[in-house]
Amino acid sequence: MRTVTLDFGACSGKEEIQAYLKEAFGFPEHYGNNLDAFFDCLTDVDEDIKIVIKEDPEGALREPLEDPDWPYGGNRKQNYLKAVRRVIEDAAEENSHLHI
């Protein structure tokens, strides 16, 4: 089983987060750099992957989105990272190869 450890500490915004996800998971060049493409790629994974998300010190990534209509409220990076986590959880429910 391959392990992908996600540490978003060096990412400052959505574009950097998407580039980081593309590299971490080895997504193809045509990866769409958005949450829909991220979900699609995760649900297409056909090898077992353990996903480890390094939490921020306050554990904010485990809290629900402050505003589900991101980016219209709260801290944009934190809300985006919470949305990324939600996509990972949803994809893991659909794809038995993903383990959180």
N, C-alpha and C. Protein backbone atom coordinates (compact mmCIF):
# COMPACT_ATOMS: atom_id res chain seq x y z
N MET A 1 0.84 -1.17 0.00
CA MET A 1 0.00 0.00 0.00
C MET A 1 0.89 1.24 0.00
N ARG A 2 0.59 2.13 -0.89
CA ARG A 2 1.31 3.40 -0.97
C ARG A 2 0.70 4.37 0.04
N THR A 3 1.56 5.18 0.65
CA THR A 3 1.09 6.20 1.59
C THR A 3 1.34 7.57 0.99
N VAL A 4 0.32 8.41 1.01
CA VAL A 4 0.43 9.80 0.58
C VAL A 4 0.18 10.66 1.82
N THR A 5 1.22 11.36 2.26
CA THR A 5 1.10 12.25 3.41
C THR A 5 0.94 13.67 2.90
N LEU A 6 -0.13 14.30 3.29
CA LEU A 6 -0.43 15.66 2.83
C LEU A 6 -0.12 16.66 3.94
N ASP A 7 0.76 17.59 3.63
CA ASP A 7 1.12 18.67 4.55
C ASP A 7 1.01 19.96 3.76
N PHE A 8 -0.03 20.72 4.02
CA PHE A 8 -0.32 21.91 3.24
C PHE A 8 0.32 23.17 3.81
N GLY A 9 1.23 23.03 4.77
CA GLY A 9 1.83 24.17 5.44
C GLY A 9 2.49 25.16 4.51
N ALA A 10 3.10 24.68 3.44
CA ALA A 10 3.82 25.57 2.52
C ALA A 10 2.91 26.15 1.43
N CYS A 11 1.66 25.71 1.37
CA CYS A 11 0.73 26.18 0.35
C CYS A 11 0.05 27.46 0.83
N SER A 12 0.01 28.47 -0.04
CA SER A 12 -0.59 29.73 0.37
C SER A 12 -1.99 29.95 -0.18
N GLY A 13 -2.41 29.17 -1.15
CA GLY A 13 -3.73 29.36 -1.72
C GLY A 13 -4.17 28.20 -2.58
N LYS A 14 -5.31 28.35 -3.18
CA LYS A 14 -5.95 27.30 -3.98
C LYS A 14 -5.04 26.74 -5.07
N GLU A 15 -4.39 27.61 -5.83
CA GLU A 15 -3.56 27.15 -6.94
C GLU A 15 -2.40 26.29 -6.45
N GLU A 16 -1.76 26.72 -5.37
CA GLU A 16 -0.65 25.94 -4.81
C GLU A 16 -1.14 24.63 -4.22
N ILE A 17 -2.30 24.64 -3.59
CA ILE A 17 -2.87 23.41 -3.04
C ILE A 17 -3.15 22.42 -4.16
N GLN A 18 -3.75 22.88 -5.24
CA GLN A 18 -4.04 21.98 -6.36
C GLN A 18 -2.77 21.43 -7.00
N ALA A 19 -1.74 22.27 -7.17
CA ALA A 19 -0.47 21.80 -7.72
C ALA A 19 0.15 20.76 -6.80
N TYR A 20 0.05 20.99 -5.50
CA TYR A 20 0.59 20.05 -4.51
C TYR A 20 -0.15 18.71 -4.58
N LEU A 21 -1.48 18.75 -4.68
CA LEU A 21 -2.26 17.51 -4.77
C LEU A 21 -1.91 16.74 -6.04
N LYS A 22 -1.76 17.46 -7.15
CA LYS A 22 -1.41 16.82 -8.42
C LYS A 22 -0.10 16.07 -8.29
N GLU A 23 0.89 16.72 -7.68
CA GLU A 23 2.20 16.09 -7.51
C GLU A 23 2.15 14.95 -6.51
N ALA A 24 1.49 15.17 -5.38
CA ALA A 24 1.46 14.16 -4.32
C ALA A 24 0.82 12.85 -4.78
N PHE A 25 -0.23 12.96 -5.57
CA PHE A 25 -0.94 11.76 -6.03
C PHE A 25 -0.46 11.28 -7.39
N GLY A 26 0.35 12.07 -8.09
CA GLY A 26 0.83 11.68 -9.41
C GLY A 26 -0.27 11.73 -10.46
N PHE A 27 -1.13 12.75 -10.36
CA PHE A 27 -2.20 12.89 -11.34
C PHE A 27 -1.63 13.26 -12.71
N PRO A 28 -2.37 12.96 -13.78
CA PRO A 28 -1.88 13.22 -15.14
C PRO A 28 -1.80 14.72 -15.46
N GLU A 29 -1.08 15.03 -16.52
CA GLU A 29 -0.90 16.43 -16.94
C GLU A 29 -2.24 17.13 -17.17
N HIS A 30 -3.22 16.41 -17.66
CA HIS A 30 -4.51 17.03 -17.98
C HIS A 30 -5.41 17.20 -16.75
N TYR A 31 -4.87 16.96 -15.55
CA TYR A 31 -5.62 17.15 -14.31
C TYR A 31 -6.22 18.56 -14.29
N GLY A 32 -7.49 18.68 -13.90
CA GLY A 32 -8.23 19.93 -14.02
C GLY A 32 -7.99 20.98 -12.94
N ASN A 33 -7.18 20.67 -11.92
CA ASN A 33 -6.84 21.66 -10.89
C ASN A 33 -8.06 22.27 -10.20
N ASN A 34 -9.05 21.44 -9.89
CA ASN A 34 -10.21 21.89 -9.13
C ASN A 34 -10.74 20.72 -8.31
N LEU A 35 -11.68 20.98 -7.42
CA LEU A 35 -12.17 19.94 -6.52
C LEU A 35 -12.93 18.84 -7.25
N ASP A 36 -13.64 19.18 -8.33
CA ASP A 36 -14.33 18.14 -9.10
C ASP A 36 -13.33 17.18 -9.74
N ALA A 37 -12.28 17.72 -10.32
CA ALA A 37 -11.24 16.88 -10.93
C ALA A 37 -10.54 16.05 -9.87
N PHE A 38 -10.31 16.63 -8.70
CA PHE A 38 -9.68 15.91 -7.59
C PHE A 38 -10.54 14.71 -7.20
N PHE A 39 -11.83 14.92 -7.05
CA PHE A 39 -12.74 13.82 -6.72
C PHE A 39 -12.71 12.75 -7.80
N ASP A 40 -12.80 13.16 -9.06
CA ASP A 40 -12.80 12.20 -10.17
C ASP A 40 -11.52 11.37 -10.18
N CYS A 41 -10.38 12.02 -9.98
CA CYS A 41 -9.11 11.28 -9.99
C CYS A 41 -9.03 10.32 -8.80
N LEU A 42 -9.50 10.75 -7.64
CA LEU A 42 -9.46 9.86 -6.47
C LEU A 42 -10.37 8.66 -6.64
N THR A 43 -11.53 8.86 -7.22
CA THR A 43 -12.44 7.73 -7.38
C THR A 43 -11.97 6.78 -8.49
N ASP A 44 -11.04 7.23 -9.33
CA ASP A 44 -10.48 6.37 -10.38
C ASP A 44 -9.26 5.59 -9.93
N VAL A 45 -8.75 5.87 -8.73
CA VAL A 45 -7.55 5.19 -8.22
C VAL A 45 -7.82 3.69 -8.15
N ASP A 46 -6.88 2.89 -8.68
CA ASP A 46 -7.06 1.44 -8.65
C ASP A 46 -5.95 0.71 -7.89
N GLU A 47 -5.26 1.44 -7.01
CA GLU A 47 -4.28 0.84 -6.12
C GLU A 47 -4.60 1.31 -4.70
N ASP A 48 -4.24 0.51 -3.71
CA ASP A 48 -4.50 0.91 -2.33
C ASP A 48 -3.59 2.07 -1.94
N ILE A 49 -4.21 3.12 -1.42
CA ILE A 49 -3.48 4.31 -0.98
C ILE A 49 -3.96 4.68 0.41
N LYS A 50 -3.01 4.82 1.31
CA LYS A 50 -3.32 5.36 2.63
C LYS A 50 -3.04 6.85 2.57
N ILE A 51 -4.05 7.65 2.90
CA ILE A 51 -3.92 9.10 2.86
C ILE A 51 -3.81 9.61 4.30
N VAL A 52 -2.71 10.28 4.57
CA VAL A 52 -2.48 10.86 5.89
C VAL A 52 -2.48 12.37 5.72
N ILE A 53 -3.36 13.03 6.43
CA ILE A 53 -3.44 14.49 6.36
C ILE A 53 -2.83 15.06 7.62
N LYS A 54 -1.73 15.78 7.45
CA LYS A 54 -1.10 16.42 8.59
C LYS A 54 -1.97 17.59 9.00
N GLU A 55 -2.45 17.54 10.21
CA GLU A 55 -3.36 18.57 10.71
C GLU A 55 -2.60 19.82 11.14
N ASP A 56 -3.27 20.93 11.09
CA ASP A 56 -2.72 22.15 11.65
C ASP A 56 -2.80 22.03 13.17
N PRO A 57 -2.03 22.81 13.91
CA PRO A 57 -1.97 22.65 15.36
C PRO A 57 -3.33 22.71 16.06
N GLU A 58 -4.24 23.51 15.55
CA GLU A 58 -5.55 23.62 16.19
C GLU A 58 -6.55 22.58 15.70
N GLY A 59 -6.16 21.77 14.73
CA GLY A 59 -7.07 20.75 14.20
C GLY A 59 -8.22 21.32 13.41
N ALA A 60 -8.04 22.51 12.85
CA ALA A 60 -9.14 23.19 12.15
C ALA A 60 -9.63 22.42 10.93
N LEU A 61 -8.77 21.59 10.35
CA LEU A 61 -9.20 20.86 9.15
C LEU A 61 -10.23 19.79 9.47
N ARG A 62 -10.38 19.44 10.72
CA ARG A 62 -11.39 18.45 11.10
C ARG A 62 -12.75 19.10 11.38
N GLU A 63 -12.77 20.42 11.52
CA GLU A 63 -14.02 21.11 11.78
C GLU A 63 -14.81 21.26 10.49
N PRO A 64 -16.13 21.39 10.59
CA PRO A 64 -16.94 21.60 9.38
C PRO A 64 -16.59 22.92 8.72
N LEU A 65 -16.92 23.01 7.44
CA LEU A 65 -16.73 24.27 6.73
C LEU A 65 -17.50 25.38 7.41
N GLU A 66 -16.86 26.53 7.55
CA GLU A 66 -17.55 27.69 8.12
C GLU A 66 -18.64 28.15 7.16
N ASP A 67 -18.36 28.04 5.89
CA ASP A 67 -19.31 28.49 4.87
C ASP A 67 -19.23 27.50 3.72
N PRO A 68 -20.23 26.65 3.55
CA PRO A 68 -20.16 25.64 2.49
C PRO A 68 -20.11 26.24 1.08
N ASP A 69 -20.42 27.52 0.94
CA ASP A 69 -20.35 28.18 -0.37
C ASP A 69 -19.01 28.87 -0.56
N TRP A 70 -17.93 28.26 -0.06
CA TRP A 70 -16.60 28.82 -0.19
C TRP A 70 -16.44 29.37 -1.60
N PRO A 71 -15.78 30.45 -1.83
CA PRO A 71 -14.89 31.23 -0.96
C PRO A 71 -15.55 32.47 -0.38
N TYR A 72 -16.80 32.44 -0.11
CA TYR A 72 -17.50 33.66 0.28
C TYR A 72 -17.47 33.96 1.77
N GLY A 73 -16.81 33.15 2.56
CA GLY A 73 -16.77 33.45 3.99
C GLY A 73 -15.59 32.82 4.67
N GLY A 74 -15.22 33.35 5.82
CA GLY A 74 -14.16 32.77 6.62
C GLY A 74 -12.79 32.88 5.97
N ASN A 75 -11.85 32.15 6.51
CA ASN A 75 -10.49 32.11 5.99
C ASN A 75 -10.49 31.25 4.73
N ARG A 76 -10.15 31.84 3.61
CA ARG A 76 -10.26 31.13 2.33
C ARG A 76 -9.39 29.88 2.26
N LYS A 77 -8.14 29.98 2.71
CA LYS A 77 -7.28 28.79 2.65
C LYS A 77 -7.82 27.70 3.56
N GLN A 78 -8.20 28.04 4.78
CA GLN A 78 -8.72 27.02 5.70
C GLN A 78 -10.00 26.40 5.15
N ASN A 79 -10.89 27.23 4.61
CA ASN A 79 -12.12 26.68 4.04
C ASN A 79 -11.82 25.77 2.85
N TYR A 80 -10.86 26.16 2.02
CA TYR A 80 -10.51 25.32 0.87
C TYR A 80 -9.93 23.99 1.34
N LEU A 81 -9.08 24.04 2.35
CA LEU A 81 -8.49 22.80 2.86
C LEU A 81 -9.55 21.90 3.50
N LYS A 82 -10.53 22.50 4.13
CA LYS A 82 -11.64 21.70 4.68
C LYS A 82 -12.42 21.06 3.55
N ALA A 83 -12.60 21.79 2.45
CA ALA A 83 -13.29 21.23 1.29
C ALA A 83 -12.47 20.09 0.68
N VAL A 84 -11.15 20.24 0.63
CA VAL A 84 -10.28 19.17 0.14
C VAL A 84 -10.46 17.93 1.00
N ARG A 85 -10.45 18.11 2.31
CA ARG A 85 -10.64 16.98 3.21
C ARG A 85 -11.99 16.31 2.98
N ARG A 86 -13.02 17.12 2.79
CA ARG A 86 -14.35 16.56 2.55
C ARG A 86 -14.36 15.75 1.25
N VAL A 87 -13.69 16.24 0.21
CA VAL A 87 -13.61 15.51 -1.05
C VAL A 87 -12.90 14.17 -0.84
N ILE A 88 -11.81 14.18 -0.07
CA ILE A 88 -11.09 12.94 0.21
C ILE A 88 -12.00 11.95 0.93
N GLU A 89 -12.73 12.42 1.93
CA GLU A 89 -13.64 11.54 2.67
C GLU A 89 -14.74 10.99 1.77
N ASP A 90 -15.32 11.84 0.93
CA ASP A 90 -16.37 11.39 0.02
C ASP A 90 -15.84 10.38 -0.98
N ALA A 91 -14.64 10.63 -1.52
CA ALA A 91 -14.04 9.70 -2.48
C ALA A 91 -13.73 8.36 -1.82
N ALA A 92 -13.29 8.40 -0.56
CA ALA A 92 -12.98 7.16 0.15
C ALA A 92 -14.23 6.32 0.39
N GLU A 93 -15.37 6.98 0.51
CA GLU A 93 -16.63 6.23 0.66
C GLU A 93 -16.98 5.50 -0.63
N GLU A 94 -16.59 6.06 -1.77
CA GLU A 94 -16.90 5.45 -3.06
C GLU A 94 -15.82 4.50 -3.58
N ASN A 95 -14.59 4.69 -3.13
CA ASN A 95 -13.47 3.90 -3.65
C ASN A 95 -12.79 3.16 -2.51
N SER A 96 -12.92 1.85 -2.49
CA SER A 96 -12.38 1.04 -1.40
C SER A 96 -10.85 0.99 -1.40
N HIS A 97 -10.20 1.54 -2.42
CA HIS A 97 -8.74 1.59 -2.46
C HIS A 97 -8.18 2.74 -1.63
N LEU A 98 -9.04 3.67 -1.22
CA LEU A 98 -8.58 4.83 -0.46
C LEU A 98 -8.81 4.60 1.02
N HIS A 99 -7.80 4.86 1.81
CA HIS A 99 -7.86 4.66 3.27
C HIS A 99 -7.35 5.92 3.95
N ILE A 100 -8.16 6.47 4.84
CA ILE A 100 -7.78 7.69 5.54
C ILE A 100 -7.34 7.33 6.96
